[in-house]
Protein backbone atom coordinates (compact mmCIF):
# COMPACT_ATOMS: atom_id res chain seq x y z
CA MET A 1 -17.52 -19.48 7.41
CA ASN A 2 -14.76 -16.89 7.72
CA GLU A 3 -14.45 -14.37 4.92
CA ARG A 4 -11.28 -14.66 2.84
CA ILE A 5 -8.98 -11.71 3.52
CA TRP A 6 -6.56 -10.76 0.74
CA THR A 7 -3.32 -9.10 1.79
CA ALA A 8 -0.36 -7.28 0.28
CA GLY A 9 3.08 -6.15 1.34
CA LEU A 10 4.89 -3.07 0.05
CA VAL A 11 8.64 -2.53 -0.35
CA VAL A 12 9.58 1.15 -0.64
CA ILE A 13 13.03 1.30 -2.21
CA GLY A 14 15.40 4.22 -2.09
CA ASP A 15 18.27 5.80 -0.18
CA GLU A 16 16.54 9.17 -0.62
CA ILE A 17 13.58 7.98 1.47
CA LEU A 18 15.77 6.69 4.28
CA SER A 19 17.92 9.83 4.30
CA GLY A 20 14.90 12.09 4.63
CA ARG A 21 15.62 13.98 1.41
CA THR A 22 12.36 12.69 -0.07
CA GLN A 23 9.10 12.13 1.80
CA ASP A 24 7.27 9.02 0.67
CA ARG A 25 3.72 9.56 -0.61
CA ASN A 26 3.23 6.16 -2.18
CA ILE A 27 2.34 4.26 1.00
CA ALA A 28 -0.90 6.17 1.53
CA GLN A 29 -1.97 6.08 -2.10
CA ILE A 30 -1.19 2.38 -2.51
CA ALA A 31 -2.96 1.53 0.75
CA GLY A 32 -6.06 3.40 -0.40
CA TRP A 33 -5.99 1.83 -3.84
CA LEU A 34 -5.54 -1.65 -2.40
CA ASN A 35 -8.49 -1.21 -0.07
CA ALA A 36 -10.67 -0.25 -3.04
CA GLN A 37 -9.60 -3.56 -4.64
CA GLY A 38 -10.57 -5.47 -1.49
CA ILE A 39 -6.93 -6.05 -0.48
CA ARG A 40 -5.41 -5.01 2.84
CA LEU A 41 -1.93 -3.55 3.04
CA ALA A 42 -0.47 -5.66 5.83
CA GLU A 43 3.19 -4.62 5.95
CA VAL A 44 5.54 -1.96 4.59
CA ARG A 45 9.32 -2.17 4.50
CA VAL A 46 11.58 0.73 3.51
CA VAL A 47 14.95 -0.45 2.21
CA ALA A 48 18.11 1.07 0.80
CA ASP A 49 19.33 0.77 -2.79
CA ARG A 50 21.23 -2.42 -1.96
CA GLN A 51 20.49 -5.66 -3.78
CA GLU A 52 20.66 -7.88 -0.71
CA ALA A 53 18.21 -5.64 1.17
CA ILE A 54 15.74 -5.59 -1.72
CA VAL A 55 16.00 -9.35 -2.25
CA ALA A 56 15.36 -10.08 1.43
CA ALA A 57 12.35 -7.75 1.63
CA VAL A 58 10.77 -8.94 -1.61
CA ASP A 59 11.27 -12.60 -0.72
CA ALA A 60 9.63 -12.08 2.68
CA LEU A 61 6.62 -10.15 1.42
CA ARG A 62 5.91 -12.09 -1.78
CA THR A 63 5.78 -15.33 0.20
CA GLY A 64 4.09 -13.86 3.27
CA TYR A 65 1.17 -12.15 1.50
CA ASP A 66 -1.00 -12.59 -1.57
CA TYR A 67 0.67 -9.69 -3.38
CA CYS A 68 3.94 -7.81 -3.14
CA PHE A 69 4.35 -4.27 -4.48
CA THR A 70 7.56 -2.30 -4.83
CA THR A 71 8.13 1.37 -5.58
CA GLY A 72 11.32 3.02 -6.78
CA GLY A 73 14.54 2.08 -8.49
CA ILE A 74 13.34 1.35 -12.05
CA GLY A 75 14.77 4.41 -13.80
CA PRO A 76 17.62 4.71 -16.34
CA THR A 77 20.60 5.27 -14.04
CA HIS A 78 23.20 2.86 -12.67
CA ASP A 79 21.74 2.97 -9.15
CA ASP A 80 18.30 1.83 -10.33
CA ILE A 81 18.79 -1.81 -9.34
CA THR A 82 15.26 -2.92 -8.45
CA VAL A 83 14.79 -5.07 -11.56
CA ASP A 84 18.10 -6.86 -11.03
CA ALA A 85 17.34 -7.45 -7.35
CA ILE A 86 13.85 -8.80 -7.96
CA ALA A 87 15.12 -11.05 -10.75
CA ALA A 88 17.65 -12.41 -8.27
CA ALA A 89 14.88 -12.93 -5.70
CA LEU A 90 12.82 -14.81 -8.28
CA GLY A 91 15.79 -16.81 -9.59
CA VAL A 92 15.39 -15.65 -13.21
CA PRO A 93 17.63 -13.66 -15.57
CA VAL A 94 17.06 -10.07 -16.63
CA VAL A 95 15.99 -9.63 -20.26
CA ILE A 96 14.94 -6.81 -22.57
CA HIS A 97 11.16 -6.94 -22.99
CA PRO A 98 10.45 -6.38 -26.71
CA GLN A 99 7.15 -4.59 -26.10
CA ALA A 100 8.76 -2.32 -23.52
CA GLU A 101 11.58 -1.54 -25.95
CA ALA A 102 9.06 -0.65 -28.66
CA MET A 103 7.08 1.56 -26.27
CA LEU A 104 10.20 3.39 -25.19
CA ALA A 105 11.41 3.81 -28.76
CA ASP A 106 8.09 5.36 -29.69
CA TYR A 107 8.02 7.63 -26.63
CA TYR A 108 11.56 8.90 -27.16
CA ALA A 109 11.35 9.21 -30.96
CA THR A 110 10.86 12.98 -30.61
CA ARG A 111 12.82 13.26 -27.35
CA GLY A 112 16.35 12.46 -28.46
CA GLY A 113 15.95 8.78 -29.28
CA LEU A 114 16.32 5.55 -27.33
CA THR A 115 19.75 5.77 -25.71
CA GLU A 116 21.50 2.93 -23.91
CA ALA A 117 20.52 4.48 -20.58
CA ARG A 118 16.86 4.73 -21.58
CA LEU A 119 16.89 1.16 -22.83
CA ARG A 120 17.62 0.09 -19.25
CA MET A 121 13.95 0.85 -18.54
CA ALA A 122 12.96 -2.02 -20.87
CA ARG A 123 14.78 -4.55 -18.68
CA VAL A 124 12.52 -6.99 -16.80
CA PRO A 125 12.84 -10.25 -14.90
CA ASP A 126 12.38 -13.01 -17.48
CA GLY A 127 8.73 -14.03 -17.78
CA ALA A 128 7.33 -10.66 -16.68
CA ASP A 129 4.33 -8.80 -18.07
CA LEU A 130 4.11 -5.02 -18.40
CA ILE A 131 1.97 -2.53 -16.50
CA VAL A 132 0.86 0.31 -18.76
CA ASN A 133 2.31 3.73 -17.95
CA ARG A 134 0.58 6.58 -19.78
CA MET A 135 2.54 9.27 -17.93
CA SER A 136 5.98 8.48 -19.31
CA GLY A 137 7.56 5.93 -21.57
CA ALA A 138 8.73 3.39 -18.99
CA PRO A 139 6.19 0.70 -18.06
CA GLY A 140 5.73 -0.96 -14.71
CA ILE A 141 6.36 -4.68 -14.37
CA ARG A 142 4.37 -7.64 -13.08
CA HIS A 143 5.89 -11.03 -12.39
CA GLY A 144 3.48 -13.43 -10.72
CA ASN A 145 2.33 -11.78 -7.52
CA VAL A 146 5.09 -9.13 -7.61
CA PHE A 147 4.25 -5.66 -8.96
CA ILE A 148 7.12 -3.26 -9.67
CA LEU A 149 6.01 0.37 -9.75
CA ALA A 150 7.73 3.70 -10.28
CA GLY A 151 8.81 5.72 -7.27
CA VAL A 152 7.42 9.04 -8.59
CA PRO A 153 3.94 9.21 -7.00
CA HIS A 154 1.94 10.49 -9.97
CA ILE A 155 3.53 7.89 -12.25
CA ALA A 156 2.87 5.14 -9.70
CA ALA A 157 -0.75 6.35 -9.53
CA GLY A 158 -1.11 5.89 -13.28
CA MET A 159 0.23 2.35 -13.04
CA LEU A 160 -2.25 1.59 -10.27
CA ASP A 161 -5.06 2.89 -12.47
CA ALA A 162 -3.96 0.46 -15.17
CA LEU A 163 -4.12 -2.39 -12.65
CA SER A 164 -7.55 -1.47 -11.26
CA GLY A 165 -9.96 -4.38 -11.42
CA THR A 166 -7.30 -6.92 -12.45
CA LEU A 167 -6.37 -8.32 -9.01
CA GLU A 168 -8.48 -10.77 -7.08
CA GLY A 169 -9.58 -9.44 -3.73
CA GLY A 170 -12.36 -9.45 -1.20
CA ARG A 171 -14.69 -6.72 -0.04
CA PRO A 172 -13.10 -3.35 0.77
CA LEU A 173 -12.91 -2.17 4.35
CA VAL A 174 -15.32 0.57 5.37
CA SER A 175 -15.03 2.63 8.51
CA GLY A 176 -16.87 4.94 10.87
CA THR A 177 -15.49 7.31 13.50
CA ILE A 178 -16.68 8.70 16.81
CA GLY A 179 -14.81 10.81 19.33
CA CYS A 180 -14.94 11.26 23.06
CA TRP A 181 -13.25 13.48 25.66
CA VAL A 182 -11.85 10.60 27.68
CA ALA A 183 -8.42 9.12 28.31
CA GLU A 184 -7.83 5.88 26.42
CA SER A 185 -6.87 4.08 29.61
CA GLU A 186 -10.31 4.72 31.08
CA VAL A 187 -12.14 2.96 28.25
CA ALA A 188 -9.60 0.35 27.14
CA ASP A 189 -11.61 -2.55 28.59
CA LEU A 190 -14.84 -1.20 27.08
CA LEU A 191 -13.22 -1.00 23.62
CA ALA A 192 -11.90 -4.55 23.90
CA ARG A 193 -15.30 -5.92 24.99
CA THR A 194 -17.05 -4.11 22.15
CA GLU A 195 -14.63 -5.45 19.57
CA ARG A 196 -15.02 -9.01 20.88
CA ALA A 197 -18.81 -8.69 20.75
CA HIS A 198 -18.78 -7.72 17.06
CA ASP A 199 -17.06 -10.45 15.07
CA GLY A 200 -15.31 -9.07 11.97
CA VAL A 201 -14.79 -5.60 13.43
CA SER A 202 -11.56 -3.89 14.45
CA ILE A 203 -11.55 -0.78 16.62
CA GLY A 204 -8.63 1.63 16.44
CA SER A 205 -8.11 4.20 19.20
CA TYR A 206 -6.27 7.44 18.43
CA PRO A 207 -5.56 9.73 21.39
CA LEU A 208 -5.34 13.52 21.21
CA PHE A 209 -4.63 16.46 23.46
CA ARG A 210 -6.31 19.75 22.63
CA ASP A 211 -7.06 22.93 24.55
CA GLY A 212 -5.88 21.31 27.75
CA ARG A 213 -8.20 18.33 27.35
CA VAL A 214 -7.43 14.66 26.72
CA GLY A 215 -9.60 12.77 24.26
CA ALA A 216 -9.57 10.08 21.62
CA ASN A 217 -11.14 9.18 18.31
CA PHE A 218 -12.34 5.61 17.81
CA VAL A 219 -12.34 4.21 14.28
CA VAL A 220 -14.45 1.13 13.63
CA ARG A 221 -13.51 -0.92 10.55
CA ALA A 222 -15.14 -3.91 8.84
CA THR A 223 -16.11 -5.09 5.38
CA ASP A 224 -19.84 -4.88 6.21
CA PRO A 225 -21.21 -1.32 6.55
CA ALA A 226 -24.16 -2.56 8.63
CA LEU A 227 -21.75 -4.20 11.08
CA VAL A 228 -19.82 -0.94 11.40
CA ASP A 229 -23.05 0.93 12.14
CA ARG A 230 -24.12 -1.61 14.79
CA CYS A 231 -20.74 -1.51 16.49
CA ILE A 232 -20.67 2.30 16.54
CA ALA A 233 -24.18 2.36 17.98
CA ALA A 234 -23.19 -0.06 20.75
CA LEU A 235 -19.96 1.78 21.50
CA THR A 236 -21.78 5.13 21.59
CA ARG A 237 -24.42 3.74 23.98
CA ASP A 238 -21.82 2.29 26.35
CA LEU A 239 -19.60 5.38 26.36
CA GLU A 240 -22.50 7.71 27.06
CA SER A 241 -23.90 5.44 29.76
CA GLY A 242 -20.47 5.69 31.39
CA GLY A 243 -20.73 9.47 31.44
CA TRP A 244 -18.64 10.27 28.35
CA PRO A 245 -20.65 12.15 25.68
CA VAL A 246 -19.80 11.06 22.13
CA VAL A 247 -18.93 13.35 19.23
CA SER A 248 -20.25 11.91 15.97
CA GLU A 249 -17.67 11.70 13.15
CA GLY A 250 -14.89 12.31 15.65
CA ILE A 251 -13.35 15.23 17.52
């Protein structure tokens, strides 16, 4: 019986990412967090601050995968349109969440009060639940299988911490790495045969060029650590029998 694989898509929202002014750090941290939950990040889309672009991406990923995450565009300014776009994608109105309003009022009580702009951060698609944010006053948002996170990486990390252990997933992927001074093209068939011979394993090949030499690192991934070890042992044996000494843990 095949093991159930849980998947997620991520929509990174923001003109500043596409323009290059800001380098995204959320993809790596969300991918790592998802793997720890037993969920594989299967697709990432980076979209501009345009409602039609956000709607299209969210619709595709929330229906294509078990979970859909978004980052960015939930602040207090006029160009923070993520909530409106996701509400449109879900076909529900935008409402003020009373608990979010209370949280923001408490947070800003000694910081100048809850202004109209700050109240925008209490807006949610109707029917949503909140994701606790201990870093600042504005919570994240969950609506069904859609999770709306902040774009600021350390705030997004706090929201992920609040979600830890609450999503259904499978076993996390584990991996092992070996390296070899060989051109990928010389061992492509060997890699394919090894992967086919170890059901449940994927082998990634990552070429490198260093000190005038061509080599590659091979990363073996599976949910079963014993299967990873067996595959690495077989791959090591076959590479070395072909005359290519293996470097444990990679080059």
